[in-house]
Amino acid sequence: MRITSTSCICPVLVCLCFVQRCYGAAHHGSIKVTRNQTKHIEGETEVHHRPKRGWVWNQFFVLEEHMGPDPQYVGKLHSNSDKGDGSVKYILTGEGAGTIFIIDDTTGDIHSTKSLDREQKTHYVLHAQAIDRRTNKPLEPESEFIIKVQDINDNAPKFTDGPYIVTVPEMSEMGTSVLQVTATDADDPTYGNSARVVYSILQGQPYFSVDPKTGVIRTALHNMDREAREHYSVVIQAKDMAGQVGGLSGSTTVNITLTDVNDNPPRFPQKHYQLYVPESAQVGSAVGKIKANDADTGSNADMKYTIINGDGSGVFSISTDKETREGILSLKKPLNYEKKKSYTLNIEGANTHLDFRFSHLGPFKDVTMLKVIVGDVDEPPLFTMPSYVMEVYENAKIGTPVGTVTAHDPDAANSLVRYFIDHNTEEDRYFTIDPNTGTIKTAKIFDREKTPWYNITVAASEIDNPGLVSHVPVGVRILDVNDNPPELARDYDVVVCENTKPGQVIQTIAATDKDNSANGARFHFSIDEGLSLNPNFTLRNNEDNTASILTRRRRYSRTTQDIYYLPILISDGGVPPLSSSSTLTIRVCACERDGRVRTCHAEAFLSSAGLSTGALIAILLCVVILLAIVVLFITLRRSKKEPLIISEEDVRENVVTYDDEGGGEEDTEAFDITALRNPSAAEELKYRRDVRPEVKPLSRHHPSSSLDSIDVQEFIKQRLAEADLDPSVPPYDSLQTYAYEGHRSEAGSISSLDSATTHSDQDYNYLGDWGPEFKKLAELYGEIEPERTT
């Protein structure tokens, strides 16, 4: 097969392509390969040769961006089997076959129907085959070939990162690198000069330059000053075809900003300044501002202001405002026009961040002179002291002088001053002030124990100018006088044990006084002398503002007296001394041996006998058992169903026996036993107390002479007669038994009756030494006489 192709290097060689195309058609014949041919040489035998391929392939080239009306011719396919009779059919497959590339199946001519762009696709891979048109059998195996898209200069250089923003320090050396720019060209860099780019500067000269090959931008001048010009706009061009005529170009903008360096020293606009400050300016307040100009920016313009000399360096101070870079002049001490009318200050402003590369441009500081003129102002009155402290005694009469405040007009006019109190609080209403002299007096009576201190505010104003007012705080301390008597510090619960020994401390008491220590810190305790000597307790002054209560007896008995009252007199050490009387309540309690209180209430005799808890439980258990026996007995009697009275018809006399011993010695409601014990002690014959009599007895009263001579037998007979004749007695016989002991014996009675009224000379104190078993007995027969006298 023979292949005829076209190849164009560039648009200027179109004519050469045409000549090549014509030459190839006429002289570039196909390479013929004999396919399956057998030569018969005379005298030789027939020889079979291997069939050889009938295709010879070269690369096809097609020019990009073809804009002609007709399809672009690419090349021609030809097989040696093609005799020109149309029996061979050419088939084209692969990339773009049938759409971009078409083939004449008879002649094998290939054409491009569309305009191609090498930047989108550089080549196409296709397959060609020759088949027999009649049998559709391949005459040659399928073969592959490539169609390359040939480049033309159709893409201009582009700056993909532009526009650019870059900075460079001012005062840089000439040739300092600023930025490198790079342009890209989409054309084929291996074919011609379509992608060969050179750089040039269109705008920005003579300040900057660009390297034509590398695109590096550099400074082109010495000492470019930011303060003269800060921003530059540089336009860089990139052109292909090595910058030749006809080449395509692209451009970009580079914005260059000069950054600041400290190459400018600060300068005050003036060498002399004048400032007016009124004398009423407050200490610590800002009275003026001053600023030195610096052409630099940022930290290169930071500066510090100082007062280097002058007569006002001790009165004024200066600081730097970091935001505005101004010097703030402040007042350190108050001004007084009458004393000094002007001040002179030398102020220096210096940079804080220096660049020693530019020290030859210095010095980086400047000095100016400031004259401060003090203005005269009508000032309010001035008090002689910043505050006052005064004293006055409590209970002082209304109108008592407390103290005096003084103020004067500091101006040359020396106007008169008027005083008054600001009645803003309740404390201010306790005082008055003389408007002319400033003397403060009391307006109410004070009580130090309620309010020991008062704070008031006194104001002073000029008579000629009442609007100018000054104030001063005044503290008034209320002094103490001895007007409160001492009293017990608290309510004391004093307890004395029954077994206490004489001289034992049972309580320590203290006192308080509302007055201060000068009038009430030292107290004296004593028993009220208005009463007789106390036989039970005494008081000991401890000389430390406390006192101790001591016992004077050996023993105390709750049964005899359970509470004692002790009057105490307390006096203070004030002038004049004051005293008060208080009464302590002392309770008598039963205590253990170690002094712990057991009980303070009166106990029953059973408890006084010293029965333990176990004994009480045993007694209670016996009572429960007896109750159970009684219930069982009643239950058994009911089960027999026997009535207690046999029958109502069985009427007979019954003797009812009362085995009742009465209520003991204290039972005075049952019978008068005194008459039986000693008939001579009976004053009169009494009625029966168990029933209300309806008739009078036989004898109501007896003379006293008959009472002395009456016999017991006669007395019993009289009682029997009264019982027989008394209609209120029960309707059956009653047996009343009277027992008479007879007259008193010489040894005396051993009964406990009337023992409370008898006295004995015997000393029973030794019973307390016999131990706890005789404790209660010792309490009963102890010293009773002192208790009764108390």
Foldseek 3Di string as FASTA:
>chain_A
DAKQFFDDQAPVCPVVRVVSNVCCVPPVDADAFDAFDWDDDPPDDTDTDHGDAFDDDDEWEDEAPDDDPDFAWTMFDDGNVCPPPQQKFKDKDFPCEPHQWDADRRGRTITGPDHHDCLVPFKTKMKMFIAGNVVRHTPGDIDIHMYGHHWYLDWAWDFPDDDAEWEDAFQDAFFAWTDATDTFTSTDPVRAFSTPKFKFWDDDPPQWGAHGRGRTITGNDGGHDCLVPFKDKIKMKIWINNPDPPTHMDIGIYIYGHAYDLQWAWAFPDQEAEFEAELPDDAFDFRDKGATDTSHDDLSPAKFKAFPDWPCNVQWGWGADRVVRMITIGGHDGDDCVVDFKIKTKMKIARPDDDVVNVVSDDRMDIHMYMYGYHYDFAWWDWPDQAAEWEDAAQDDFFAWTAFTDTWGSDPVTAAKFKFWDPPDPLSQQWGAHRRGRIITGHDGDDCLVPQKGKTKMKMGGPVDRVRIDIHIYMYGHAYAQDWWKDWPDADAWEDEQQAAFFDFGDKTAIDTSTDCQAFVWKDKAFPPVDPDDQFWGKAGPRRRMITITGNHRGDDVVLPFKDKTKMKMWGDGVVIDIDIDIHIYGYFHADPVGHGDGRDDDDPVVLLPDDPVVVVVVVVVVVVVVVVVVVVVVVVVVVVQDPDNDPPPDDADADDDPDPADPPPDPQQDDLVCQQPQLPDQWDDDGRVDDFDDDAPDGHDDNVCSVVDDPVVVVVSVVVRVVPTPGDDPHDYDDDGDYPDDADPVGDPDCPPVVVDDDPDALCCLCVPDPNSPSVCSVRHDNVVSVVD
